[in-house]
Amino acid sequence: MNPGDWGRLRWRCRRGMKELDLLLTRYLEQRYAAAPAAEQAAFRALLEAPDPEILDLCVGRRRPADAALAALIGALTAVPPGEPAKPVMDG
């Protein structure tokens, strides 16, 4: 992934809710680069969804219909809290 793509993804992780900002950015910085292609595609698709839908999926109020999305939600919620890792593509 080139640095421009990384920057666009990081920007897309900025949401209207701080909780989602943290959750999405932490996943991007800690897991995205090593994730399988299907999980990366599901993450990019998730970023297209409105904030309330993403929140409902992440807190379990709504179940993902797609298996790849369900796996992604599991990965998103499994990233331990704490200080985010430095992005792989920062230079």
PDB file of N, CA and C in Angstrom:
ATOM      1  N   MET A   1       0.858  -1.177   0.000  1.00  0.00           N
ATOM      2  CA  MET A   1       0.000   0.000   0.000  1.00  0.00           C
ATOM      3  C   MET A   1       0.897   1.231   0.000  1.00  0.00           C
ATOM      4  N   ASN A   2       0.561   2.164  -0.852  1.00  0.00           N
ATOM      5  CA  ASN A   2       1.382   3.372  -0.888  1.00  0.00           C
ATOM      6  C   ASN A   2       0.937   4.336   0.212  1.00  0.00           C
ATOM      7  N   PRO A   3       1.814   5.274   0.559  1.00  0.00           N
ATOM      8  CA  PRO A   3       1.492   6.203   1.655  1.00  0.00           C
ATOM      9  C   PRO A   3       0.219   7.013   1.436  1.00  0.00           C
ATOM     10  N   GLY A   4      -0.112   7.345   0.183  1.00  0.00           N
ATOM     11  CA  GLY A   4      -1.341   8.095  -0.092  1.00  0.00           C
ATOM     12  C   GLY A   4      -2.580   7.294   0.264  1.00  0.00           C
ATOM     13  N   ASP A   5      -2.563   5.995  -0.064  1.00  0.00           N
ATOM     14  CA  ASP A   5      -3.695   5.133   0.293  1.00  0.00           C
ATOM     15  C   ASP A   5      -3.825   5.023   1.807  1.00  0.00           C
ATOM     16  N   TRP A   6      -2.687   4.899   2.476  1.00  0.00           N
ATOM     17  CA  TRP A   6      -2.686   4.797   3.939  1.00  0.00           C
ATOM     18  C   TRP A   6      -3.291   6.065   4.549  1.00  0.00           C
ATOM     19  N   GLY A   7      -2.884   7.204   4.031  1.00  0.00           N
ATOM     20  CA  GLY A   7      -3.398   8.470   4.541  1.00  0.00           C
ATOM     21  C   GLY A   7      -4.902   8.612   4.328  1.00  0.00           C
ATOM     22  N   ARG A   8      -5.380   8.167   3.163  1.00  0.00           N
ATOM     23  CA  ARG A   8      -6.824   8.230   2.895  1.00  0.00           C
ATOM     24  C   ARG A   8      -7.598   7.317   3.854  1.00  0.00           C
ATOM     25  N   LEU A   9      -7.077   6.125   4.094  1.00  0.00           N
ATOM     26  CA  LEU A   9      -7.746   5.227   5.040  1.00  0.00           C
ATOM     27  C   LEU A   9      -7.756   5.839   6.440  1.00  0.00           C
ATOM     28  N   ARG A  10      -6.627   6.393   6.835  1.00  0.00           N
ATOM     29  CA  ARG A  10      -6.543   7.016   8.170  1.00  0.00           C
ATOM     30  C   ARG A  10      -7.559   8.158   8.280  1.00  0.00           C
ATOM     31  N   TRP A  11      -7.676   8.944   7.216  1.00  0.00           N
ATOM     32  CA  TRP A  11      -8.640  10.046   7.220  1.00  0.00           C
ATOM     33  C   TRP A  11     -10.068   9.512   7.322  1.00  0.00           C
ATOM     34  N   ARG A  12     -10.369   8.414   6.616  1.00  0.00           N
ATOM     35  CA  ARG A  12     -11.709   7.819   6.630  1.00  0.00           C
ATOM     36  C   ARG A  12     -12.059   7.260   8.003  1.00  0.00           C
ATOM     37  N   CYS A  13     -11.047   6.955   8.813  1.00  0.00           N
ATOM     38  CA  CYS A  13     -11.291   6.456  10.170  1.00  0.00           C
ATOM     39  C   CYS A  13     -11.772   7.567  11.100  1.00  0.00           C
ATOM     40  N   ARG A  14     -11.622   8.809  10.682  1.00  0.00           N
ATOM     41  CA  ARG A  14     -12.100   9.933  11.488  1.00  0.00           C
ATOM     42  C   ARG A  14     -13.604  10.009  11.333  1.00  0.00           C
ATOM     43  N   ARG A  15     -14.306   9.808  12.409  1.00  0.00           N
ATOM     44  CA  ARG A  15     -15.754   9.751  12.387  1.00  0.00           C
ATOM     45  C   ARG A  15     -16.331  10.860  13.261  1.00  0.00           C
ATOM     46  N   GLY A  16     -17.634  10.895  13.372  1.00  0.00           N
ATOM     47  CA  GLY A  16     -18.301  11.881  14.203  1.00  0.00           C
ATOM     48  C   GLY A  16     -18.373  11.467  15.664  1.00  0.00           C
ATOM     49  N   MET A  17     -17.898  10.269  15.973  1.00  0.00           N
ATOM     50  CA  MET A  17     -17.917   9.768  17.355  1.00  0.00           C
ATOM     51  C   MET A  17     -16.496   9.398  17.751  1.00  0.00           C
ATOM     52  N   LYS A  18     -16.037   9.930  18.850  1.00  0.00           N
ATOM     53  CA  LYS A  18     -14.674   9.669  19.299  1.00  0.00           C
ATOM     54  C   LYS A  18     -14.423   8.178  19.501  1.00  0.00           C
ATOM     55  N   GLU A  19     -15.427   7.459  20.010  1.00  0.00           N
ATOM     56  CA  GLU A  19     -15.263   6.028  20.254  1.00  0.00           C
ATOM     57  C   GLU A  19     -14.958   5.293  18.946  1.00  0.00           C
ATOM     58  N   LEU A  20     -15.661   5.663  17.878  1.00  0.00           N
ATOM     59  CA  LEU A  20     -15.394   5.030  16.585  1.00  0.00           C
ATOM     60  C   LEU A  20     -14.046   5.457  16.032  1.00  0.00           C
ATOM     61  N   ASP A  21     -13.690   6.728  16.208  1.00  0.00           N
ATOM     62  CA  ASP A  21     -12.361   7.191  15.787  1.00  0.00           C
ATOM     63  C   ASP A  21     -11.287   6.289  16.380  1.00  0.00           C
ATOM     64  N   LEU A  22     -11.376   6.086  17.677  1.00  0.00           N
ATOM     65  CA  LEU A  22     -10.362   5.297  18.377  1.00  0.00           C
ATOM     66  C   LEU A  22     -10.367   3.844  17.924  1.00  0.00           C
ATOM     67  N   LEU A  23     -11.533   3.254  17.838  1.00  0.00           N
ATOM     68  CA  LEU A  23     -11.650   1.857  17.461  1.00  0.00           C
ATOM     69  C   LEU A  23     -11.120   1.612  16.051  1.00  0.00           C
ATOM     70  N   LEU A  24     -11.549   2.424  15.104  1.00  0.00           N
ATOM     71  CA  LEU A  24     -11.149   2.235  13.711  1.00  0.00           C
ATOM     72  C   LEU A  24      -9.672   2.556  13.491  1.00  0.00           C
ATOM     73  N   THR A  25      -9.199   3.629  14.100  1.00  0.00           N
ATOM     74  CA  THR A  25      -7.795   4.005  13.946  1.00  0.00           C
ATOM     75  C   THR A  25      -6.878   2.970  14.585  1.00  0.00           C
ATOM     76  N   ARG A  26      -7.252   2.473  15.745  1.00  0.00           N
ATOM     77  CA  ARG A  26      -6.439   1.454  16.420  1.00  0.00           C
ATOM     78  C   ARG A  26      -6.336   0.196  15.554  1.00  0.00           C
ATOM     79  N   TYR A  27      -7.451  -0.227  14.959  1.00  0.00           N
ATOM     80  CA  TYR A  27      -7.422  -1.393  14.069  1.00  0.00           C
ATOM     81  C   TYR A  27      -6.501  -1.109  12.874  1.00  0.00           C
ATOM     82  N   LEU A  28      -6.666   0.051  12.255  1.00  0.00           N
ATOM     83  CA  LEU A  28      -5.862   0.402  11.089  1.00  0.00           C
ATOM     84  C   LEU A  28      -4.376   0.350  11.428  1.00  0.00           C
ATOM     85  N   GLU A  29      -4.005   0.922  12.534  1.00  0.00           N
ATOM     86  CA  GLU A  29      -2.598   1.019  12.901  1.00  0.00           C
ATOM     87  C   GLU A  29      -2.003  -0.295  13.408  1.00  0.00           C
ATOM     88  N   GLN A  30      -2.816  -1.115  14.046  1.00  0.00           N
ATOM     89  CA  GLN A  30      -2.275  -2.320  14.668  1.00  0.00           C
ATOM     90  C   GLN A  30      -2.498  -3.597  13.870  1.00  0.00           C
ATOM     91  N   ARG A  31      -3.526  -3.667  13.034  1.00  0.00           N
ATOM     92  CA  ARG A  31      -3.859  -4.939  12.403  1.00  0.00           C
ATOM     93  C   ARG A  31      -4.044  -4.910  10.901  1.00  0.00           C
ATOM     94  N   TYR A  32      -4.403  -3.769  10.350  1.00  0.00           N
ATOM     95  CA  TYR A  32      -4.794  -3.716   8.941  1.00  0.00           C
ATOM     96  C   TYR A  32      -3.711  -4.254   8.011  1.00  0.00           C
ATOM     97  N   ALA A  33      -2.481  -3.813   8.163  1.00  0.00           N
ATOM     98  CA  ALA A  33      -1.416  -4.193   7.231  1.00  0.00           C
ATOM     99  C   ALA A  33      -1.206  -5.707   7.181  1.00  0.00           C
ATOM    100  N   ALA A  34      -1.392  -6.397   8.280  1.00  0.00           N
ATOM    101  CA  ALA A  34      -1.177  -7.844   8.330  1.00  0.00           C
ATOM    102  C   ALA A  34      -2.456  -8.645   8.095  1.00  0.00           C
ATOM    103  N   ALA A  35      -3.573  -7.971   7.971  1.00  0.00           N
ATOM    104  CA  ALA A  35      -4.859  -8.665   7.796  1.00  0.00           C
ATOM    105  C   ALA A  35      -4.955  -9.285   6.407  1.00  0.00           C
ATOM    106  N   PRO A  36      -5.715 -10.383   6.298  1.00  0.00           N
ATOM    107  CA  PRO A  36      -5.955 -10.971   4.973  1.00  0.00           C
ATOM    108  C   PRO A  36      -6.683  -9.968   4.068  1.00  0.00           C
ATOM    109  N   ALA A  37      -6.540 -10.166   2.763  1.00  0.00           N
ATOM    110  CA  ALA A  37      -7.143  -9.249   1.786  1.00  0.00           C
ATOM    111  C   ALA A  37      -8.649  -9.108   1.969  1.00  0.00           C
ATOM    112  N   ALA A  38      -9.334 -10.206   2.299  1.00  0.00           N
ATOM    113  CA  ALA A  38     -10.791 -10.139   2.491  1.00  0.00           C
ATOM    114  C   ALA A  38     -11.143  -9.257   3.685  1.00  0.00           C
ATOM    115  N   GLU A  39     -10.357  -9.332   4.748  1.00  0.00           N
ATOM    116  CA  GLU A  39     -10.608  -8.501   5.925  1.00  0.00           C
ATOM    117  C   GLU A  39     -10.311  -7.038   5.607  1.00  0.00           C
ATOM    118  N   GLN A  40      -9.260  -6.775   4.843  1.00  0.00           N
ATOM    119  CA  GLN A  40      -8.956  -5.403   4.446  1.00  0.00           C
ATOM    120  C   GLN A  40     -10.089  -4.831   3.597  1.00  0.00           C
ATOM    121  N   ALA A  41     -10.610  -5.636   2.670  1.00  0.00           N
ATOM    122  CA  ALA A  41     -11.718  -5.184   1.825  1.00  0.00           C
ATOM    123  C   ALA A  41     -12.962  -4.907   2.665  1.00  0.00           C
ATOM    124  N   ALA A  42     -13.226  -5.763   3.656  1.00  0.00           N
ATOM    125  CA  ALA A  42     -14.376  -5.556   4.540  1.00  0.00           C
ATOM    126  C   ALA A  42     -14.204  -4.271   5.344  1.00  0.00           C
ATOM    127  N   PHE A  43     -12.974  -3.974   5.768  1.00  0.00           N
ATOM    128  CA  PHE A  43     -12.712  -2.744   6.520  1.00  0.00           C
ATOM    129  C   PHE A  43     -12.974  -1.521   5.650  1.00  0.00           C
ATOM    130  N   ARG A  44     -12.482  -1.552   4.419  1.00  0.00           N
ATOM    131  CA  ARG A  44     -12.722  -0.416   3.514  1.00  0.00           C
ATOM    132  C   ARG A  44     -14.218  -0.241   3.259  1.00  0.00           C
ATOM    133  N   ALA A  45     -14.939  -1.346   3.112  1.00  0.00           N
ATOM    134  CA  ALA A  45     -16.393  -1.272   2.905  1.00  0.00           C
ATOM    135  C   ALA A  45     -17.088  -0.730   4.156  1.00  0.00           C
ATOM    136  N   LEU A  46     -16.632  -1.152   5.321  1.00  0.00           N
ATOM    137  CA  LEU A  46     -17.225  -0.679   6.577  1.00  0.00           C
ATOM    138  C   LEU A  46     -17.098   0.838   6.700  1.00  0.00           C
ATOM    139  N   LEU A  47     -15.992   1.368   6.235  1.00  0.00           N
ATOM    140  CA  LEU A  47     -15.785   2.814   6.320  1.00  0.00           C
ATOM    141  C   LEU A  47     -16.782   3.609   5.483  1.00  0.00           C
ATOM    142  N   GLU A  48     -17.477   2.936   4.573  1.00  0.00           N
ATOM    143  CA  GLU A  48     -18.517   3.584   3.760  1.00  0.00           C
ATOM    144  C   GLU A  48     -19.840   3.708   4.531  1.00  0.00           C
ATOM    145  N   ALA A  49     -19.998   2.940   5.591  1.00  0.00           N
ATOM    146  CA  ALA A  49     -21.256   2.913   6.350  1.00  0.00           C
ATOM    147  C   ALA A  49     -21.375   4.143   7.255  1.00  0.00           C
ATOM    148  N   PRO A  50     -22.601   4.527   7.570  1.00  0.00           N
ATOM    149  CA  PRO A  50     -22.800   5.643   8.514  1.00  0.00           C
ATOM    150  C   PRO A  50     -22.386   5.238   9.936  1.00  0.00           C
ATOM    151  N   ASP A  51     -22.003   6.222  10.715  1.00  0.00           N
ATOM    152  CA  ASP A  51     -21.527   5.982  12.080  1.00  0.00           C
ATOM    153  C   ASP A  51     -22.485   5.142  12.926  1.00  0.00           C
ATOM    154  N   PRO A  52     -23.792   5.443  12.946  1.00  0.00           N
ATOM    155  CA  PRO A  52     -24.682   4.640  13.798  1.00  0.00           C
ATOM    156  C   PRO A  52     -24.674   3.155  13.422  1.00  0.00           C
ATOM    157  N   GLU A  53     -24.564   2.861  12.136  1.00  0.00           N
ATOM    158  CA  GLU A  53     -24.523   1.462  11.697  1.00  0.00           C
ATOM    159  C   GLU A  53     -23.236   0.781  12.169  1.00  0.00           C
ATOM    160  N   ILE A  54     -22.107   1.468  12.037  1.00  0.00           N
ATOM    161  CA  ILE A  54     -20.832   0.905  12.494  1.00  0.00           C
ATOM    162  C   ILE A  54     -20.882   0.667  13.994  1.00  0.00           C
ATOM    163  N   LEU A  55     -21.389   1.639  14.732  1.00  0.00           N
ATOM    164  CA  LEU A  55     -21.480   1.495  16.187  1.00  0.00           C
ATOM    165  C   LEU A  55     -22.361   0.314  16.570  1.00  0.00           C
ATOM    166  N   ASP A  56     -23.518   0.192  15.936  1.00  0.00           N
ATOM    167  CA  ASP A  56     -24.421  -0.930  16.231  1.00  0.00           C
ATOM    168  C   ASP A  56     -23.737  -2.273  15.975  1.00  0.00           C
ATOM    169  N   LEU A  57     -22.966  -2.370  14.912  1.00  0.00           N
ATOM    170  CA  LEU A  57     -22.246  -3.609  14.618  1.00  0.00           C
ATOM    171  C   LEU A  57     -21.185  -3.894  15.684  1.00  0.00           C
ATOM    172  N   CYS A  58     -20.460  -2.864  16.080  1.00  0.00           N
ATOM    173  CA  CYS A  58     -19.349  -3.045  17.018  1.00  0.00           C
ATOM    174  C   CYS A  58     -19.797  -3.354  18.437  1.00  0.00           C
ATOM    175  N   VAL A  59     -20.966  -2.863  18.826  1.00  0.00           N
ATOM    176  CA  VAL A  59     -21.438  -3.126  20.191  1.00  0.00           C
ATOM    177  C   VAL A  59     -22.423  -4.283  20.250  1.00  0.00           C
ATOM    178  N   GLY A  60     -22.689  -4.906  19.108  1.00  0.00           N
ATOM    179  CA  GLY A  60     -23.526  -6.095  19.084  1.00  0.00           C
ATOM    180  C   GLY A  60     -25.023  -5.862  19.004  1.00  0.00           C
ATOM    181  N   ARG A  61     -25.438  -4.634  18.748  1.00  0.00           N
ATOM    182  CA  ARG A  61     -26.874  -4.373  18.585  1.00  0.00           C
ATOM    183  C   ARG A  61     -27.373  -4.847  17.235  1.00  0.00           C
ATOM    184  N   ARG A  62     -26.432  -5.075  16.346  1.00  0.00           N
ATOM    185  CA  ARG A  62     -26.768  -5.530  14.997  1.00  0.00           C
ATOM    186  C   ARG A  62     -25.749  -6.595  14.599  1.00  0.00           C
ATOM    187  N   ARG A  63     -26.220  -7.645  13.956  1.00  0.00           N
ATOM    188  CA  ARG A  63     -25.340  -8.734  13.530  1.00  0.00           C
ATOM    189  C   ARG A  63     -25.002  -8.567  12.055  1.00  0.00           C
ATOM    190  N   PRO A  64     -23.718  -8.708  11.716  1.00  0.00           N
ATOM    191  CA  PRO A  64     -23.340  -8.607  10.309  1.00  0.00           C
ATOM    192  C   PRO A  64     -23.914  -9.773   9.506  1.00  0.00           C
ATOM    193  N   ALA A  65     -24.441  -9.489   8.332  1.00  0.00           N
ATOM    194  CA  ALA A  65     -24.995 -10.527   7.471  1.00  0.00           C
ATOM    195  C   ALA A  65     -23.886 -11.236   6.699  1.00  0.00           C
ATOM    196  N   ASP A  66     -22.823 -10.555   6.433  1.00  0.00           N
ATOM    197  CA  ASP A  66     -21.711 -11.062   5.637  1.00  0.00           C
ATOM    198  C   ASP A  66     -20.644 -11.685   6.550  1.00  0.00           C
ATOM    199  N   ALA A  67     -20.131 -12.852   6.170  1.00  0.00           N
ATOM    200  CA  ALA A  67     -19.122 -13.547   6.982  1.00  0.00           C
ATOM    201  C   ALA A  67     -17.830 -12.737   7.101  1.00  0.00           C
ATOM    202  N   ALA A  68     -17.410 -12.086   6.004  1.00  0.00           N
ATOM    203  CA  ALA A  68     -16.183 -11.283   6.054  1.00  0.00           C
ATOM    204  C   ALA A  68     -16.358 -10.093   6.997  1.00  0.00           C
ATOM    205  N   LEU A  69     -17.533  -9.486   6.975  1.00  0.00           N
ATOM    206  CA  LEU A  69     -17.803  -8.368   7.876  1.00  0.00           C
ATOM    207  C   LEU A  69     -17.857  -8.842   9.324  1.00  0.00           C
ATOM    208  N   ALA A  70     -18.445 -10.000   9.551  1.00  0.00           N
ATOM    209  CA  ALA A  70     -18.491 -10.552  10.909  1.00  0.00           C
ATOM    210  C   ALA A  70     -17.078 -10.803  11.432  1.00  0.00           C
ATOM    211  N   ALA A  71     -16.200 -11.345  10.581  1.00  0.00           N
ATOM    212  CA  ALA A  71     -14.811 -11.581  10.990  1.00  0.00           C
ATOM    213  C   ALA A  71     -14.109 -10.257  11.292  1.00  0.00           C
ATOM    214  N   LEU A  72     -14.377  -9.250  10.475  1.00  0.00           N
ATOM    215  CA  LEU A  72     -13.775  -7.937  10.703  1.00  0.00           C
ATOM    216  C   LEU A  72     -14.235  -7.349  12.029  1.00  0.00           C
ATOM    217  N   ILE A  73     -15.526  -7.407  12.304  1.00  0.00           N
ATOM    218  CA  ILE A  73     -16.043  -6.856  13.560  1.00  0.00           C
ATOM    219  C   ILE A  73     -15.383  -7.560  14.738  1.00  0.00           C
ATOM    220  N   GLY A  74     -15.213  -8.859  14.638  1.00  0.00           N
ATOM    221  CA  GLY A  74     -14.491  -9.597  15.685  1.00  0.00           C
ATOM    222  C   GLY A  74     -13.068  -9.093  15.852  1.00  0.00           C
ATOM    223  N   ALA A  75     -12.399  -8.839  14.750  1.00  0.00           N
ATOM    224  CA  ALA A  75     -11.027  -8.326  14.804  1.00  0.00           C
ATOM    225  C   ALA A  75     -10.991  -6.901  15.355  1.00  0.00           C
ATOM    226  N   LEU A  76     -11.943  -6.073  14.941  1.00  0.00           N
ATOM    227  CA  LEU A  76     -11.994  -4.687  15.439  1.00  0.00           C
ATOM    228  C   LEU A  76     -12.145  -4.642  16.953  1.00  0.00           C
ATOM    229  N   THR A  77     -13.031  -5.462  17.454  1.00  0.00           N
ATOM    230  CA  THR A  77     -13.314  -5.423  18.886  1.00  0.00           C
ATOM    231  C   THR A  77     -12.281  -6.188  19.697  1.00  0.00           C
ATOM    232  N   ALA A  78     -11.390  -6.936  19.030  1.00  0.00           N
ATOM    233  CA  ALA A  78     -10.350  -7.683  19.736  1.00  0.00           C
ATOM    234  C   ALA A  78      -9.050  -6.890  19.887  1.00  0.00           C
ATOM    235  N   VAL A  79      -8.919  -5.777  19.177  1.00  0.00           N
ATOM    236  CA  VAL A  79      -7.699  -4.979  19.281  1.00  0.00           C
ATOM    237  C   VAL A  79      -7.667  -4.373  20.677  1.00  0.00           C
ATOM    238  N   PRO A  80      -6.600  -4.661  21.432  1.00  0.00           N
ATOM    239  CA  PRO A  80      -6.560  -4.167  22.811  1.00  0.00           C
ATOM    240  C   PRO A  80      -6.436  -2.652  22.877  1.00  0.00           C
ATOM    241  N   PRO A  81      -7.088  -2.045  23.860  1.00  0.00           N
ATOM    242  CA  PRO A  81      -6.965  -0.594  24.011  1.00  0.00           C
ATOM    243  C   PRO A  81      -5.566  -0.229  24.471  1.00  0.00           C
ATOM    244  N   GLY A  82      -5.292   1.010  24.403  1.00  0.00           N
ATOM    245  CA  GLY A  82      -3.980   1.504  24.799  1.00  0.00           C
ATOM    246  C   GLY A  82      -3.494   2.464  23.748  1.00  0.00           C
ATOM    247  N   GLU A  83      -2.251   2.811  23.841  1.00  0.00           N
ATOM    248  CA  GLU A  83      -1.682   3.739  22.875  1.00  0.00           C
ATOM    249  C   GLU A  83      -1.561   3.063  21.523  1.00  0.00           C
ATOM    250  N   PRO A  84      -2.079   3.685  20.460  1.00  0.00           N
ATOM    251  CA  PRO A  84      -1.980   3.077  19.136  1.00  0.00           C
ATOM    252  C   PRO A  84      -0.521   2.905  18.711  1.00  0.00           C
ATOM    253  N   ALA A  85      -0.268   1.859  17.963  1.00  0.00           N
ATOM    254  CA  ALA A  85       1.060   1.635  17.402  1.00  0.00           C
ATOM    255  C   ALA A  85       1.313   2.669  16.325  1.00  0.00           C
ATOM    256  N   LYS A  86       2.589   2.918  16.043  1.00  0.00           N
ATOM    257  CA  LYS A  86       2.923   3.833  14.949  1.00  0.00           C
ATOM    258  C   LYS A  86       2.512   3.190  13.643  1.00  0.00           C
ATOM    259  N   PRO A  87       1.914   3.951  12.725  1.00  0.00           N
ATOM    260  CA  PRO A  87       1.534   3.394  11.437  1.00  0.00           C
ATOM    261  C   PRO A  87       2.731   2.839  10.695  1.00  0.00           C
ATOM    262  N   VAL A  88       2.542   1.744  10.030  1.00  0.00           N
ATOM    263  CA  VAL A  88       3.595   1.069   9.282  1.00  0.00           C
ATOM    264  C   VAL A  88       4.116   1.961   8.166  1.00  0.00           C
ATOM    265  N   MET A  89       3.222   2.712   7.535  1.00  0.00           N
ATOM    266  CA  MET A  89       3.594   3.492   6.351  1.00  0.00           C
ATOM    267  C   MET A  89       4.073   4.913   6.678  1.00  0.00           C
ATOM    268  N   ASP A  90       4.159   5.295   7.950  1.00  0.00           N
ATOM    269  CA  ASP A  90       4.664   6.626   8.300  1.00  0.00           C
ATOM    270  C   ASP A  90       6.121   6.726   7.873  1.00  0.00           C
ATOM    271  N   GLY A  91       6.490   7.830   7.386  1.00  0.00           N
ATOM    272  CA  GLY A  91       7.885   7.934   6.985  1.00  0.00           C
ATOM    273  C   GLY A  91       8.360   9.268   7.192  1.00  0.00           C
TER     274      GLY A  91
END
